[in-house]
Amino acid sequence: MPKIINHDERKQQIAQAMWRVILDKGMEGATVRNIAEEAGLSLGALRHYFSTQDDLLVYAMTLVTERATARIEAVVKRNLPPREMVLAVLYEIVPLNEETRAEMQVWFAFVAYVHHRKNELPIPDDGIREGIQKLIYYLNQLSLLKPGLNLELEVERLYSLIDGIAIHALLEPERLDAEKVRRTIHYHIDSICIRA
């Protein structure tokens, strides 16, 4: 009897193989041949799932976003106190462990590659700015933000902090370890919220 293949799982395995190739050899090493070899598939089998390398690139990057979204949704379902929930969501966005570090390295490599190609490929929206906007408005709705803050500027400031700290945590992990990243984000949220 032929083995039943879960096609969604296979596509995810291929995408994860692509991530490993990018982490090991960079975007220039992310050839269809190298990806197929890393996934343990023939070129024909890989092409069955992704007819072009660009299709695979877009899928692999969309998968990064989907995984982060799933982690954030799991945090929201935990019914944490509001400030604790906001912090837990923000911690899921930045590279605090091997999984999130790898995802972010691959994401930045992909974004740089797409920009180099003059935007021939769409960059999937990571949803971070929109998510941060929701967090700021959530805190405001619960009257947890200090009075008189400009909400739009607070959204931009927190968005910039999260993006910047993510980049520095990737580039300087010995200086900006996971604990320092958490403390910095916590410090910022404390600075815009009223005291509990």
C-alpha atoms as a PDB file:
ATOM      1  CA  MET A   1       0.000   0.000   0.000  1.00  0.00           C
ATOM      2  CA  PRO A   2       1.472   3.408  -0.961  1.00  0.00           C
ATOM      3  CA  LYS A   3       2.542   5.711   1.844  1.00  0.00           C
ATOM      4  CA  ILE A   4       0.124   8.620   2.396  1.00  0.00           C
ATOM      5  CA  ILE A   5       1.953  11.927   2.298  1.00  0.00           C
ATOM      6  CA  ASN A   6       0.675  14.961   4.156  1.00  0.00           C
ATOM      7  CA  HIS A   7       1.343  17.628   1.538  1.00  0.00           C
ATOM      8  CA  ASP A   8       1.116  20.554   3.966  1.00  0.00           C
ATOM      9  CA  GLU A   9       3.702  18.934   6.243  1.00  0.00           C
ATOM     10  CA  ARG A  10       5.946  18.207   3.259  1.00  0.00           C
ATOM     11  CA  LYS A  11       5.754  21.848   2.124  1.00  0.00           C
ATOM     12  CA  GLN A  12       6.679  22.974   5.632  1.00  0.00           C
ATOM     13  CA  GLN A  13       9.596  20.527   5.714  1.00  0.00           C
ATOM     14  CA  ILE A  14      10.850  21.947   2.421  1.00  0.00           C
ATOM     15  CA  ALA A  15      10.507  25.510   3.711  1.00  0.00           C
ATOM     16  CA  GLN A  16      12.395  24.609   6.887  1.00  0.00           C
ATOM     17  CA  ALA A  17      15.104  22.988   4.779  1.00  0.00           C
ATOM     18  CA  MET A  18      15.342  26.268   2.890  1.00  0.00           C
ATOM     19  CA  TRP A  19      15.739  28.150   6.186  1.00  0.00           C
ATOM     20  CA  ARG A  20      18.593  25.830   7.195  1.00  0.00           C
ATOM     21  CA  VAL A  21      20.308  26.363   3.829  1.00  0.00           C
ATOM     22  CA  ILE A  22      19.938  30.151   4.141  1.00  0.00           C
ATOM     23  CA  LEU A  23      21.360  30.071   7.681  1.00  0.00           C
ATOM     24  CA  ASP A  24      24.281  27.909   6.539  1.00  0.00           C
ATOM     25  CA  LYS A  25      25.027  29.278   3.056  1.00  0.00           C
ATOM     26  CA  GLY A  26      23.165  32.589   2.784  1.00  0.00           C
ATOM     27  CA  MET A  27      20.619  33.506   0.148  1.00  0.00           C
ATOM     28  CA  GLU A  28      23.122  32.858  -2.636  1.00  0.00           C
ATOM     29  CA  GLY A  29      23.374  29.255  -1.462  1.00  0.00           C
ATOM     30  CA  ALA A  30      19.593  28.776  -1.404  1.00  0.00           C
ATOM     31  CA  THR A  31      19.500  27.022  -4.757  1.00  0.00           C
ATOM     32  CA  VAL A  32      16.793  24.523  -5.608  1.00  0.00           C
ATOM     33  CA  ARG A  33      19.434  21.796  -5.697  1.00  0.00           C
ATOM     34  CA  ASN A  34      20.791  22.649  -2.218  1.00  0.00           C
ATOM     35  CA  ILE A  35      17.297  22.920  -0.771  1.00  0.00           C
ATOM     36  CA  ALA A  36      16.222  19.590  -2.279  1.00  0.00           C
ATOM     37  CA  GLU A  37      19.360  17.941  -0.895  1.00  0.00           C
ATOM     38  CA  GLU A  38      18.765  19.418   2.584  1.00  0.00           C
ATOM     39  CA  ALA A  39      15.123  18.247   2.489  1.00  0.00           C
ATOM     40  CA  GLY A  40      16.166  14.774   1.332  1.00  0.00           C
ATOM     41  CA  LEU A  41      14.146  15.055  -1.877  1.00  0.00           C
ATOM     42  CA  SER A  42      14.839  14.814  -5.566  1.00  0.00           C
ATOM     43  CA  LEU A  43      14.618  17.976  -7.654  1.00  0.00           C
ATOM     44  CA  GLY A  44      11.471  16.581  -9.270  1.00  0.00           C
ATOM     45  CA  ALA A  45       9.812  15.970  -5.915  1.00  0.00           C
ATOM     46  CA  LEU A  46      10.637  19.493  -4.765  1.00  0.00           C
ATOM     47  CA  ARG A  47       9.269  20.959  -8.020  1.00  0.00           C
ATOM     48  CA  HIS A  48       6.056  19.004  -7.444  1.00  0.00           C
ATOM     49  CA  TYR A  49       5.414  21.303  -4.477  1.00  0.00           C
ATOM     50  CA  PHE A  50       7.042  24.508  -5.718  1.00  0.00           C
ATOM     51  CA  SER A  51       7.321  25.067  -9.453  1.00  0.00           C
ATOM     52  CA  THR A  52       9.767  27.967  -9.046  1.00  0.00           C
ATOM     53  CA  GLN A  53      12.337  29.030  -6.488  1.00  0.00           C
ATOM     54  CA  ASP A  54      10.364  32.267  -6.031  1.00  0.00           C
ATOM     55  CA  ASP A  55       7.235  30.283  -5.072  1.00  0.00           C
ATOM     56  CA  LEU A  56       9.279  28.515  -2.419  1.00  0.00           C
ATOM     57  CA  LEU A  57      10.795  31.783  -1.165  1.00  0.00           C
ATOM     58  CA  VAL A  58       7.393  33.411  -0.712  1.00  0.00           C
ATOM     59  CA  TYR A  59       5.980  30.304   0.983  1.00  0.00           C
ATOM     60  CA  ALA A  60       8.975  30.012   3.329  1.00  0.00           C
ATOM     61  CA  MET A  61       8.659  33.638   4.396  1.00  0.00           C
ATOM     62  CA  THR A  62       4.905  33.404   4.836  1.00  0.00           C
ATOM     63  CA  LEU A  63       5.513  30.386   7.073  1.00  0.00           C
ATOM     64  CA  VAL A  64       7.788  32.494   9.315  1.00  0.00           C
ATOM     65  CA  THR A  65       4.933  34.977   9.778  1.00  0.00           C
ATOM     66  CA  GLU A  66       2.380  32.226  10.386  1.00  0.00           C
ATOM     67  CA  ARG A  67       4.522  30.603  13.074  1.00  0.00           C
ATOM     68  CA  ALA A  68       5.047  33.907  14.908  1.00  0.00           C
ATOM     69  CA  THR A  69       1.319  34.642  14.659  1.00  0.00           C
ATOM     70  CA  ALA A  70       0.468  31.228  16.112  1.00  0.00           C
ATOM     71  CA  ARG A  71       2.812  31.835  19.070  1.00  0.00           C
ATOM     72  CA  ILE A  72       1.256  35.258  19.692  1.00  0.00           C
ATOM     73  CA  GLU A  73      -2.275  33.849  19.506  1.00  0.00           C
ATOM     74  CA  ALA A  74      -1.297  31.218  22.071  1.00  0.00           C
ATOM     75  CA  VAL A  75      -0.070  33.990  24.410  1.00  0.00           C
ATOM     76  CA  VAL A  76      -3.309  35.947  24.024  1.00  0.00           C
ATOM     77  CA  LYS A  77      -5.377  32.847  24.901  1.00  0.00           C
ATOM     78  CA  ARG A  78      -3.562  32.490  28.234  1.00  0.00           C
ATOM     79  CA  ASN A  79      -5.681  35.278  29.820  1.00  0.00           C
ATOM     80  CA  LEU A  80      -2.716  37.049  31.381  1.00  0.00           C
ATOM     81  CA  PRO A  81      -3.078  40.423  33.111  1.00  0.00           C
ATOM     82  CA  PRO A  82      -2.968  43.182  30.431  1.00  0.00           C
ATOM     83  CA  ARG A  83       0.609  44.462  30.911  1.00  0.00           C
ATOM     84  CA  GLU A  84       1.955  40.934  31.288  1.00  0.00           C
ATOM     85  CA  MET A  85       0.129  39.902  28.099  1.00  0.00           C
ATOM     86  CA  VAL A  86       1.539  42.876  26.170  1.00  0.00           C
ATOM     87  CA  LEU A  87       5.061  42.000  27.299  1.00  0.00           C
ATOM     88  CA  ALA A  88       4.604  38.313  26.460  1.00  0.00           C
ATOM     89  CA  VAL A  89       3.400  39.222  22.946  1.00  0.00           C
ATOM     90  CA  LEU A  90       6.359  41.551  22.385  1.00  0.00           C
ATOM     91  CA  TYR A  91       8.754  38.833  23.584  1.00  0.00           C
ATOM     92  CA  GLU A  92       7.412  36.548  20.831  1.00  0.00           C
ATOM     93  CA  ILE A  93       8.434  39.071  18.173  1.00  0.00           C
ATOM     94  CA  VAL A  94      12.092  39.454  19.098  1.00  0.00           C
ATOM     95  CA  PRO A  95      14.821  36.765  18.888  1.00  0.00           C
ATOM     96  CA  LEU A  96      14.992  35.356  22.413  1.00  0.00           C
ATOM     97  CA  ASN A  97      15.671  31.698  21.605  1.00  0.00           C
ATOM     98  CA  GLU A  98      17.152  29.570  18.824  1.00  0.00           C
ATOM     99  CA  GLU A  99      13.842  29.203  16.986  1.00  0.00           C
ATOM    100  CA  THR A 100      12.974  32.899  16.887  1.00  0.00           C
ATOM    101  CA  ARG A 101      16.603  33.829  16.180  1.00  0.00           C
ATOM    102  CA  ALA A 102      16.674  31.516  13.137  1.00  0.00           C
ATOM    103  CA  GLU A 103      13.339  32.825  11.883  1.00  0.00           C
ATOM    104  CA  MET A 104      14.491  36.413  12.186  1.00  0.00           C
ATOM    105  CA  GLN A 105      17.844  35.756  10.480  1.00  0.00           C
ATOM    106  CA  VAL A 106      16.033  34.116   7.582  1.00  0.00           C
ATOM    107  CA  TRP A 107      13.471  36.937   7.439  1.00  0.00           C
ATOM    108  CA  PHE A 108      16.136  39.643   7.249  1.00  0.00           C
ATOM    109  CA  ALA A 109      18.094  37.684   4.625  1.00  0.00           C
ATOM    110  CA  PHE A 110      14.928  37.365   2.557  1.00  0.00           C
ATOM    111  CA  VAL A 111      14.034  41.059   2.853  1.00  0.00           C
ATOM    112  CA  ALA A 112      17.552  42.110   1.801  1.00  0.00           C
ATOM    113  CA  TYR A 113      17.428  39.673  -1.121  1.00  0.00           C
ATOM    114  CA  VAL A 114      14.055  40.965  -2.334  1.00  0.00           C
ATOM    115  CA  HIS A 115      15.196  44.586  -2.122  1.00  0.00           C
ATOM    116  CA  HIS A 116      18.315  43.682  -4.100  1.00  0.00           C
ATOM    117  CA  ARG A 117      16.083  42.197  -6.804  1.00  0.00           C
ATOM    118  CA  LYS A 118      14.248  45.518  -7.154  1.00  0.00           C
ATOM    119  CA  ASN A 119      11.072  44.187  -5.501  1.00  0.00           C
ATOM    120  CA  GLU A 120      10.256  41.541  -8.103  1.00  0.00           C
ATOM    121  CA  LEU A 121       8.901  39.447  -5.248  1.00  0.00           C
ATOM    122  CA  PRO A 122       6.345  40.598  -2.717  1.00  0.00           C
ATOM    123  CA  ILE A 123       7.535  40.840   0.862  1.00  0.00           C
ATOM    124  CA  PRO A 124       4.844  39.283   3.021  1.00  0.00           C
ATOM    125  CA  ASP A 125       3.614  41.756   5.621  1.00  0.00           C
ATOM    126  CA  ASP A 126       5.021  40.645   8.965  1.00  0.00           C
ATOM    127  CA  GLY A 127       2.114  42.372  10.733  1.00  0.00           C
ATOM    128  CA  ILE A 128       4.373  43.736  13.464  1.00  0.00           C
ATOM    129  CA  ARG A 129       3.392  47.402  13.150  1.00  0.00           C
ATOM    130  CA  GLU A 130      -0.309  46.566  13.088  1.00  0.00           C
ATOM    131  CA  GLY A 131       0.123  44.267  16.090  1.00  0.00           C
ATOM    132  CA  ILE A 132       1.991  46.937  18.044  1.00  0.00           C
ATOM    133  CA  GLN A 133      -0.726  49.442  17.231  1.00  0.00           C
ATOM    134  CA  LYS A 134      -3.304  47.026  18.669  1.00  0.00           C
ATOM    135  CA  LEU A 135      -1.214  46.609  21.836  1.00  0.00           C
ATOM    136  CA  ILE A 136      -0.871  50.366  22.398  1.00  0.00           C
ATOM    137  CA  TYR A 137      -4.585  50.954  21.790  1.00  0.00           C
ATOM    138  CA  TYR A 138      -5.416  48.004  24.079  1.00  0.00           C
ATOM    139  CA  LEU A 139      -3.390  49.537  26.910  1.00  0.00           C
ATOM    140  CA  ASN A 140      -5.043  52.894  26.255  1.00  0.00           C
ATOM    141  CA  GLN A 141      -8.527  51.380  26.207  1.00  0.00           C
ATOM    142  CA  LEU A 142      -7.881  49.908  29.649  1.00  0.00           C
ATOM    143  CA  SER A 143      -6.595  53.318  30.883  1.00  0.00           C
ATOM    144  CA  LEU A 144      -3.172  51.844  31.579  1.00  0.00           C
ATOM    145  CA  LEU A 145      -1.194  54.390  29.545  1.00  0.00           C
ATOM    146  CA  LYS A 146       0.011  57.610  31.118  1.00  0.00           C
ATOM    147  CA  PRO A 147      -2.307  60.510  30.255  1.00  0.00           C
ATOM    148  CA  GLY A 148      -1.368  62.874  27.444  1.00  0.00           C
ATOM    149  CA  LEU A 149       0.605  60.434  25.290  1.00  0.00           C
ATOM    150  CA  ASN A 150       0.415  60.774  21.516  1.00  0.00           C
ATOM    151  CA  LEU A 151      -0.777  57.286  20.612  1.00  0.00           C
ATOM    152  CA  GLU A 152       0.422  57.331  17.010  1.00  0.00           C
ATOM    153  CA  LEU A 153       3.906  58.398  18.065  1.00  0.00           C
ATOM    154  CA  GLU A 154       3.906  55.755  20.805  1.00  0.00           C
ATOM    155  CA  VAL A 155       3.052  53.145  18.174  1.00  0.00           C
ATOM    156  CA  GLU A 156       5.985  54.324  16.012  1.00  0.00           C
ATOM    157  CA  ARG A 157       8.330  54.482  18.992  1.00  0.00           C
ATOM    158  CA  LEU A 158       7.506  50.960  20.187  1.00  0.00           C
ATOM    159  CA  TYR A 159       7.645  49.635  16.615  1.00  0.00           C
ATOM    160  CA  SER A 160      11.089  51.206  16.177  1.00  0.00           C
ATOM    161  CA  LEU A 161      12.268  49.840  19.524  1.00  0.00           C
ATOM    162  CA  ILE A 162      11.156  46.299  18.682  1.00  0.00           C
ATOM    163  CA  ASP A 163      12.696  46.379  15.187  1.00  0.00           C
ATOM    164  CA  GLY A 164      15.926  47.925  16.430  1.00  0.00           C
ATOM    165  CA  ILE A 165      16.358  45.640  19.415  1.00  0.00           C
ATOM    166  CA  ALA A 166      15.665  42.619  17.194  1.00  0.00           C
ATOM    167  CA  ILE A 167      18.405  43.632  14.765  1.00  0.00           C
ATOM    168  CA  HIS A 168      20.915  44.350  17.535  1.00  0.00           C
ATOM    169  CA  ALA A 169      20.062  41.101  19.340  1.00  0.00           C
ATOM    170  CA  LEU A 170      20.901  39.273  16.098  1.00  0.00           C
ATOM    171  CA  LEU A 171      24.082  41.200  15.353  1.00  0.00           C
ATOM    172  CA  GLU A 172      25.403  41.531  18.923  1.00  0.00           C
ATOM    173  CA  PRO A 173      24.024  38.592  20.923  1.00  0.00           C
ATOM    174  CA  GLU A 174      26.901  38.656  23.394  1.00  0.00           C
ATOM    175  CA  ARG A 175      26.102  42.289  24.301  1.00  0.00           C
ATOM    176  CA  LEU A 176      22.325  42.110  24.001  1.00  0.00           C
ATOM    177  CA  ASP A 177      21.321  38.732  25.371  1.00  0.00           C
ATOM    178  CA  ALA A 178      17.729  37.543  25.860  1.00  0.00           C
ATOM    179  CA  GLU A 179      17.529  38.820  29.442  1.00  0.00           C
ATOM    180  CA  LYS A 180      18.697  42.314  28.470  1.00  0.00           C
ATOM    181  CA  VAL A 181      16.207  42.375  25.566  1.00  0.00           C
ATOM    182  CA  ARG A 182      13.380  41.458  27.962  1.00  0.00           C
ATOM    183  CA  ARG A 183      14.479  44.043  30.539  1.00  0.00           C
ATOM    184  CA  THR A 184      14.690  46.791  27.890  1.00  0.00           C
ATOM    185  CA  ILE A 185      11.214  46.072  26.536  1.00  0.00           C
ATOM    186  CA  HIS A 186       9.834  45.833  30.075  1.00  0.00           C
ATOM    187  CA  TYR A 187      11.483  49.162  30.960  1.00  0.00           C
ATOM    188  CA  HIS A 188       9.876  50.838  27.959  1.00  0.00           C
ATOM    189  CA  ILE A 189       6.386  49.506  28.728  1.00  0.00           C
ATOM    190  CA  ASP A 190       6.804  50.652  32.355  1.00  0.00           C
ATOM    191  CA  SER A 191       7.794  54.114  31.098  1.00  0.00           C
ATOM    192  CA  ILE A 192       4.538  54.606  29.180  1.00  0.00           C
ATOM    193  CA  CYS A 193       2.152  52.927  31.616  1.00  0.00           C
ATOM    194  CA  ILE A 194       0.745  54.218  34.860  1.00  0.00           C
ATOM    195  CA  ARG A 195       2.015  52.497  37.979  1.00  0.00           C
ATOM    196  CA  ALA A 196      -0.023  49.460  38.959  1.00  0.00           C
END
